[in-house]
């Protein structure tokens, strides 16, 4: 127990120092975009570190996603990349769910910091905190499950689930 407390304290202190330094060096729009991307990973780490206190800090009831309006193949998802916003929504897929991120158009719209995620299945990139286009896929080999779960939870809470991403078999 004592070692876990020491490790989580060191992690929190190092994160605070890095985040404080990064905020000084980044323009506000870039800072906001990075916090949006990193927040779920940090929250998941923090909750895991303190779960020894008696379970999760904020347990959420499990529920099934609302009825789907967009059940799309990956190739069809690309049409919702923000290029037609506001006449069509900005969508992305995380954890096989299609998420409408139109309310975050200042991050996901055209020429915005996270537009590279729009219209894509981006579970891997989000779970790794990566902005590298090669990570824009749902290949989860080597990706910590907790990171994926944290991203799915974040997007389900912040934005609206509007469908599911069809499998390759369903699309052919």
C-alpha atoms as a PDB file:
ATOM      1  CA  UNK A   1       0.000   0.000   0.000  1.00  0.00           C
ATOM      2  CA  UNK A   2       2.726   2.470   0.993  1.00  0.00           C
ATOM      3  CA  UNK A   3       4.569   1.988  -2.299  1.00  0.00           C
ATOM      4  CA  UNK A   4       1.392   2.619  -4.302  1.00  0.00           C
ATOM      5  CA  UNK A   5       0.794   5.873  -2.422  1.00  0.00           C
ATOM      6  CA  UNK A   6       4.386   6.985  -3.055  1.00  0.00           C
ATOM      7  CA  UNK A   7       4.182   6.131  -6.757  1.00  0.00           C
ATOM      8  CA  UNK A   8       0.839   7.896  -7.235  1.00  0.00           C
ATOM      9  CA  UNK A   9       2.124  10.958  -5.350  1.00  0.00           C
ATOM     10  CA  UNK A  10       5.259  11.112  -7.506  1.00  0.00           C
ATOM     11  CA  UNK A  11       3.147  10.664 -10.660  1.00  0.00           C
ATOM     12  CA  UNK A  12       0.782  13.472  -9.637  1.00  0.00           C
ATOM     13  CA  UNK A  13       3.676  15.798  -8.768  1.00  0.00           C
ATOM     14  CA  UNK A  14       5.523  15.093 -12.031  1.00  0.00           C
ATOM     15  CA  UNK A  15       2.326  15.600 -14.019  1.00  0.00           C
ATOM     16  CA  UNK A  16       1.665  18.925 -12.285  1.00  0.00           C
ATOM     17  CA  UNK A  17       5.193  20.137 -13.075  1.00  0.00           C
ATOM     18  CA  UNK A  18       5.030  19.045 -16.725  1.00  0.00           C
ATOM     19  CA  UNK A  19       1.528  20.441 -17.228  1.00  0.00           C
ATOM     20  CA  UNK A  20       2.473  23.742 -15.583  1.00  0.00           C
ATOM     21  CA  UNK A  21       5.551  24.120 -17.788  1.00  0.00           C
ATOM     22  CA  UNK A  22       3.644  23.120 -20.945  1.00  0.00           C
ATOM     23  CA  UNK A  23       0.894  25.651 -20.254  1.00  0.00           C
ATOM     24  CA  UNK A  24       3.452  28.467 -20.093  1.00  0.00           C
ATOM     25  CA  UNK A  25       5.010  27.434 -23.421  1.00  0.00           C
ATOM     26  CA  UNK A  26       1.835  26.738 -25.466  1.00  0.00           C
ATOM     27  CA  UNK A  27      -0.636  29.103 -27.108  1.00  0.00           C
ATOM     28  CA  UNK A  28      -4.075  28.864 -25.406  1.00  0.00           C
ATOM     29  CA  UNK A  29      -5.811  27.074 -28.315  1.00  0.00           C
ATOM     30  CA  UNK A  30      -3.106  24.397 -28.480  1.00  0.00           C
ATOM     31  CA  UNK A  31      -3.140  24.059 -24.674  1.00  0.00           C
ATOM     32  CA  UNK A  32      -6.930  23.537 -24.650  1.00  0.00           C
ATOM     33  CA  UNK A  33      -6.657  20.923 -27.397  1.00  0.00           C
ATOM     34  CA  UNK A  34      -3.895  18.995 -25.586  1.00  0.00           C
ATOM     35  CA  UNK A  35      -5.814  19.006 -22.304  1.00  0.00           C
ATOM     36  CA  UNK A  36      -8.866  17.642 -24.139  1.00  0.00           C
ATOM     37  CA  UNK A  37      -6.755  14.790 -25.499  1.00  0.00           C
ATOM     38  CA  UNK A  38      -4.814  13.974 -22.314  1.00  0.00           C
ATOM     39  CA  UNK A  39      -7.536  14.463 -19.689  1.00  0.00           C
ATOM     40  CA  UNK A  40      -9.117  10.997 -19.991  1.00  0.00           C
ATOM     41  CA  UNK A  41      -5.743   9.253 -19.671  1.00  0.00           C
ATOM     42  CA  UNK A  42      -4.794  11.324 -16.620  1.00  0.00           C
ATOM     43  CA  UNK A  43      -8.213  10.813 -14.989  1.00  0.00           C
ATOM     44  CA  UNK A  44      -8.028   7.055 -15.524  1.00  0.00           C
ATOM     45  CA  UNK A  45      -4.509   6.917 -14.037  1.00  0.00           C
ATOM     46  CA  UNK A  46      -5.572   8.975 -11.044  1.00  0.00           C
ATOM     47  CA  UNK A  47      -8.688   6.876 -10.418  1.00  0.00           C
ATOM     48  CA  UNK A  48      -6.661   3.666 -10.662  1.00  0.00           C
ATOM     49  CA  UNK A  49      -4.043   5.029  -8.262  1.00  0.00           C
ATOM     50  CA  UNK A  50      -6.636   5.857  -5.616  1.00  0.00           C
ATOM     51  CA  UNK A  51      -8.976   2.897  -6.157  1.00  0.00           C
ATOM     52  CA  UNK A  52      -7.424   1.178  -3.120  1.00  0.00           C
ATOM     53  CA  UNK A  53      -9.548   3.527  -0.973  1.00  0.00           C
ATOM     54  CA  UNK A  54     -12.566   1.341  -1.566  1.00  0.00           C
ATOM     55  CA  UNK A  55     -13.411   1.093  -5.226  1.00  0.00           C
ATOM     56  CA  UNK A  56     -13.806   3.570  -8.064  1.00  0.00           C
ATOM     57  CA  UNK A  57     -14.067   7.240  -7.122  1.00  0.00           C
ATOM     58  CA  UNK A  58     -17.135   7.958  -9.259  1.00  0.00           C
ATOM     59  CA  UNK A  59     -18.806   4.701 -10.242  1.00  0.00           C
ATOM     60  CA  UNK A  60     -21.073   5.124 -13.240  1.00  0.00           C
ATOM     61  CA  UNK A  61     -24.043   2.903 -13.947  1.00  0.00           C
ATOM     62  CA  UNK A  62     -23.568   0.834 -17.058  1.00  0.00           C
ATOM     63  CA  UNK A  63     -26.101   1.335 -19.786  1.00  0.00           C
ATOM     64  CA  UNK A  64     -26.370   0.462 -23.428  1.00  0.00           C
ATOM     65  CA  UNK A  65     -25.833   3.192 -26.001  1.00  0.00           C
ATOM     66  CA  UNK A  66     -28.898   4.949 -27.368  1.00  0.00           C
ATOM     67  CA  UNK A  67     -30.482   3.622 -30.535  1.00  0.00           C
ATOM     68  CA  UNK A  68     -28.144   4.154 -33.455  1.00  0.00           C
ATOM     69  CA  UNK A  69     -28.738   6.638 -36.197  1.00  0.00           C
ATOM     70  CA  UNK A  70     -25.361   6.149 -37.890  1.00  0.00           C
ATOM     71  CA  UNK A  71     -24.192   2.570 -38.355  1.00  0.00           C
ATOM     72  CA  UNK A  72     -21.297   3.175 -40.717  1.00  0.00           C
ATOM     73  CA  UNK A  73     -18.465   1.394 -42.441  1.00  0.00           C
ATOM     74  CA  UNK A  74     -15.067   3.055 -41.965  1.00  0.00           C
ATOM     75  CA  UNK A  75     -15.122   4.257 -45.585  1.00  0.00           C
ATOM     76  CA  UNK A  76     -18.499   5.955 -45.020  1.00  0.00           C
ATOM     77  CA  UNK A  77     -17.345   7.531 -41.754  1.00  0.00           C
ATOM     78  CA  UNK A  78     -14.759   9.572 -43.677  1.00  0.00           C
ATOM     79  CA  UNK A  79     -17.577  11.684 -45.179  1.00  0.00           C
ATOM     80  CA  UNK A  80     -18.127  13.201 -41.706  1.00  0.00           C
ATOM     81  CA  UNK A  81     -14.655  14.755 -41.405  1.00  0.00           C
ATOM     82  CA  UNK A  82     -15.885  18.304 -40.798  1.00  0.00           C
ATOM     83  CA  UNK A  83     -15.574  19.470 -44.400  1.00  0.00           C
ATOM     84  CA  UNK A  84     -19.379  19.767 -44.687  1.00  0.00           C
ATOM     85  CA  UNK A  85     -19.983  21.111 -41.178  1.00  0.00           C
ATOM     86  CA  UNK A  86     -22.491  22.544 -40.175  1.00  0.00           C
ATOM     87  CA  UNK A  87     -24.711  20.921 -42.832  1.00  0.00           C
ATOM     88  CA  UNK A  88     -23.552  17.480 -41.664  1.00  0.00           C
ATOM     89  CA  UNK A  89     -22.151  16.454 -38.270  1.00  0.00           C
ATOM     90  CA  UNK A  90     -18.510  15.887 -37.371  1.00  0.00           C
ATOM     91  CA  UNK A  91     -18.163  12.236 -36.377  1.00  0.00           C
ATOM     92  CA  UNK A  92     -15.368   9.987 -35.171  1.00  0.00           C
ATOM     93  CA  UNK A  93     -15.228   6.454 -33.883  1.00  0.00           C
ATOM     94  CA  UNK A  94     -13.726   5.379 -30.584  1.00  0.00           C
ATOM     95  CA  UNK A  95     -14.090   1.862 -29.225  1.00  0.00           C
ATOM     96  CA  UNK A  96     -16.423   0.935 -32.075  1.00  0.00           C
ATOM     97  CA  UNK A  97     -18.892   3.692 -31.181  1.00  0.00           C
ATOM     98  CA  UNK A  98     -19.657   6.580 -33.520  1.00  0.00           C
ATOM     99  CA  UNK A  99     -19.466   9.851 -31.619  1.00  0.00           C
ATOM    100  CA  UNK A 100     -20.860  13.207 -32.754  1.00  0.00           C
ATOM    101  CA  UNK A 101     -18.182  15.755 -31.816  1.00  0.00           C
ATOM    102  CA  UNK A 102     -19.860  18.674 -33.621  1.00  0.00           C
ATOM    103  CA  UNK A 103     -20.254  20.530 -30.321  1.00  0.00           C
ATOM    104  CA  UNK A 104     -16.446  20.512 -30.150  1.00  0.00           C
ATOM    105  CA  UNK A 105     -16.026  21.960 -33.648  1.00  0.00           C
ATOM    106  CA  UNK A 106     -13.397  24.389 -32.323  1.00  0.00           C
ATOM    107  CA  UNK A 107     -11.233  21.282 -31.829  1.00  0.00           C
ATOM    108  CA  UNK A 108     -12.484  18.878 -34.531  1.00  0.00           C
ATOM    109  CA  UNK A 109     -13.601  21.249 -37.322  1.00  0.00           C
ATOM    110  CA  UNK A 110     -11.588  22.016 -40.446  1.00  0.00           C
ATOM    111  CA  UNK A 111      -8.142  23.502 -39.772  1.00  0.00           C
ATOM    112  CA  UNK A 112      -8.504  22.805 -36.046  1.00  0.00           C
ATOM    113  CA  UNK A 113      -5.995  20.892 -33.883  1.00  0.00           C
ATOM    114  CA  UNK A 114      -7.905  17.592 -33.768  1.00  0.00           C
ATOM    115  CA  UNK A 115      -9.458  17.585 -37.222  1.00  0.00           C
ATOM    116  CA  UNK A 116      -7.214  14.622 -38.045  1.00  0.00           C
ATOM    117  CA  UNK A 117      -9.526  12.484 -35.824  1.00  0.00           C
ATOM    118  CA  UNK A 118     -12.720  13.619 -37.584  1.00  0.00           C
ATOM    119  CA  UNK A 119     -14.196  11.027 -39.915  1.00  0.00           C
ATOM    120  CA  UNK A 120     -11.838   8.328 -38.637  1.00  0.00           C
ATOM    121  CA  UNK A 121     -11.738   5.296 -36.387  1.00  0.00           C
ATOM    122  CA  UNK A 122      -9.182   6.679 -33.953  1.00  0.00           C
ATOM    123  CA  UNK A 123      -9.272   4.477 -30.857  1.00  0.00           C
ATOM    124  CA  UNK A 124      -5.546   3.693 -31.023  1.00  0.00           C
ATOM    125  CA  UNK A 125      -4.420   7.310 -31.449  1.00  0.00           C
ATOM    126  CA  UNK A 126      -6.658   8.572 -28.648  1.00  0.00           C
ATOM    127  CA  UNK A 127      -5.649   5.805 -26.235  1.00  0.00           C
ATOM    128  CA  UNK A 128      -1.959   6.469 -26.920  1.00  0.00           C
ATOM    129  CA  UNK A 129      -2.346  10.266 -26.855  1.00  0.00           C
ATOM    130  CA  UNK A 130      -0.895  10.300 -30.374  1.00  0.00           C
ATOM    131  CA  UNK A 131      -1.372  12.869 -33.119  1.00  0.00           C
ATOM    132  CA  UNK A 132       0.498  10.660 -35.592  1.00  0.00           C
ATOM    133  CA  UNK A 133      -1.705   9.792 -38.611  1.00  0.00           C
ATOM    134  CA  UNK A 134      -0.305   6.221 -38.618  1.00  0.00           C
ATOM    135  CA  UNK A 135      -2.122   5.642 -35.308  1.00  0.00           C
ATOM    136  CA  UNK A 136      -5.533   6.585 -36.739  1.00  0.00           C
ATOM    137  CA  UNK A 137      -7.058   3.118 -36.630  1.00  0.00           C
ATOM    138  CA  UNK A 138      -8.635   0.651 -34.256  1.00  0.00           C
ATOM    139  CA  UNK A 139      -5.615  -1.692 -34.006  1.00  0.00           C
ATOM    140  CA  UNK A 140      -5.271  -2.103 -30.259  1.00  0.00           C
ATOM    141  CA  UNK A 141      -2.174  -4.343 -30.201  1.00  0.00           C
ATOM    142  CA  UNK A 142       0.084  -3.061 -27.437  1.00  0.00           C
ATOM    143  CA  UNK A 143      -2.423  -0.444 -26.262  1.00  0.00           C
ATOM    144  CA  UNK A 144      -3.306  -0.590 -22.551  1.00  0.00           C
ATOM    145  CA  UNK A 145      -6.931  -1.602 -22.111  1.00  0.00           C
ATOM    146  CA  UNK A 146      -7.413   0.982 -19.344  1.00  0.00           C
ATOM    147  CA  UNK A 147      -6.383   3.758 -21.750  1.00  0.00           C
ATOM    148  CA  UNK A 148      -8.966   2.600 -24.286  1.00  0.00           C
ATOM    149  CA  UNK A 149     -11.647   2.367 -21.587  1.00  0.00           C
ATOM    150  CA  UNK A 150     -10.756   5.854 -20.346  1.00  0.00           C
ATOM    151  CA  UNK A 151     -11.104   7.343 -23.827  1.00  0.00           C
ATOM    152  CA  UNK A 152     -14.409   5.577 -24.500  1.00  0.00           C
ATOM    153  CA  UNK A 153     -15.758   6.764 -21.144  1.00  0.00           C
ATOM    154  CA  UNK A 154     -14.622  10.342 -21.780  1.00  0.00           C
ATOM    155  CA  UNK A 155     -16.202  10.548 -25.237  1.00  0.00           C
ATOM    156  CA  UNK A 156     -19.442   8.918 -24.065  1.00  0.00           C
ATOM    157  CA  UNK A 157     -19.734  11.466 -21.245  1.00  0.00           C
ATOM    158  CA  UNK A 158     -18.693  14.560 -23.215  1.00  0.00           C
ATOM    159  CA  UNK A 159     -20.360  13.920 -26.584  1.00  0.00           C
ATOM    160  CA  UNK A 160     -23.331  12.033 -27.969  1.00  0.00           C
ATOM    161  CA  UNK A 161     -23.061   8.417 -29.122  1.00  0.00           C
ATOM    162  CA  UNK A 162     -24.910   8.314 -32.440  1.00  0.00           C
ATOM    163  CA  UNK A 163     -24.118   4.868 -33.788  1.00  0.00           C
ATOM    164  CA  UNK A 164     -21.571   2.138 -34.165  1.00  0.00           C
ATOM    165  CA  UNK A 165     -18.746   1.397 -36.548  1.00  0.00           C
ATOM    166  CA  UNK A 166     -19.483  -1.671 -38.645  1.00  0.00           C
ATOM    167  CA  UNK A 167     -16.923  -4.444 -38.887  1.00  0.00           C
ATOM    168  CA  UNK A 168     -15.044  -5.220 -42.090  1.00  0.00           C
ATOM    169  CA  UNK A 169     -17.219  -8.315 -42.576  1.00  0.00           C
ATOM    170  CA  UNK A 170     -20.434  -6.283 -42.312  1.00  0.00           C
ATOM    171  CA  UNK A 171     -19.184  -3.819 -44.917  1.00  0.00           C
ATOM    172  CA  UNK A 172     -18.413  -6.401 -47.611  1.00  0.00           C
END
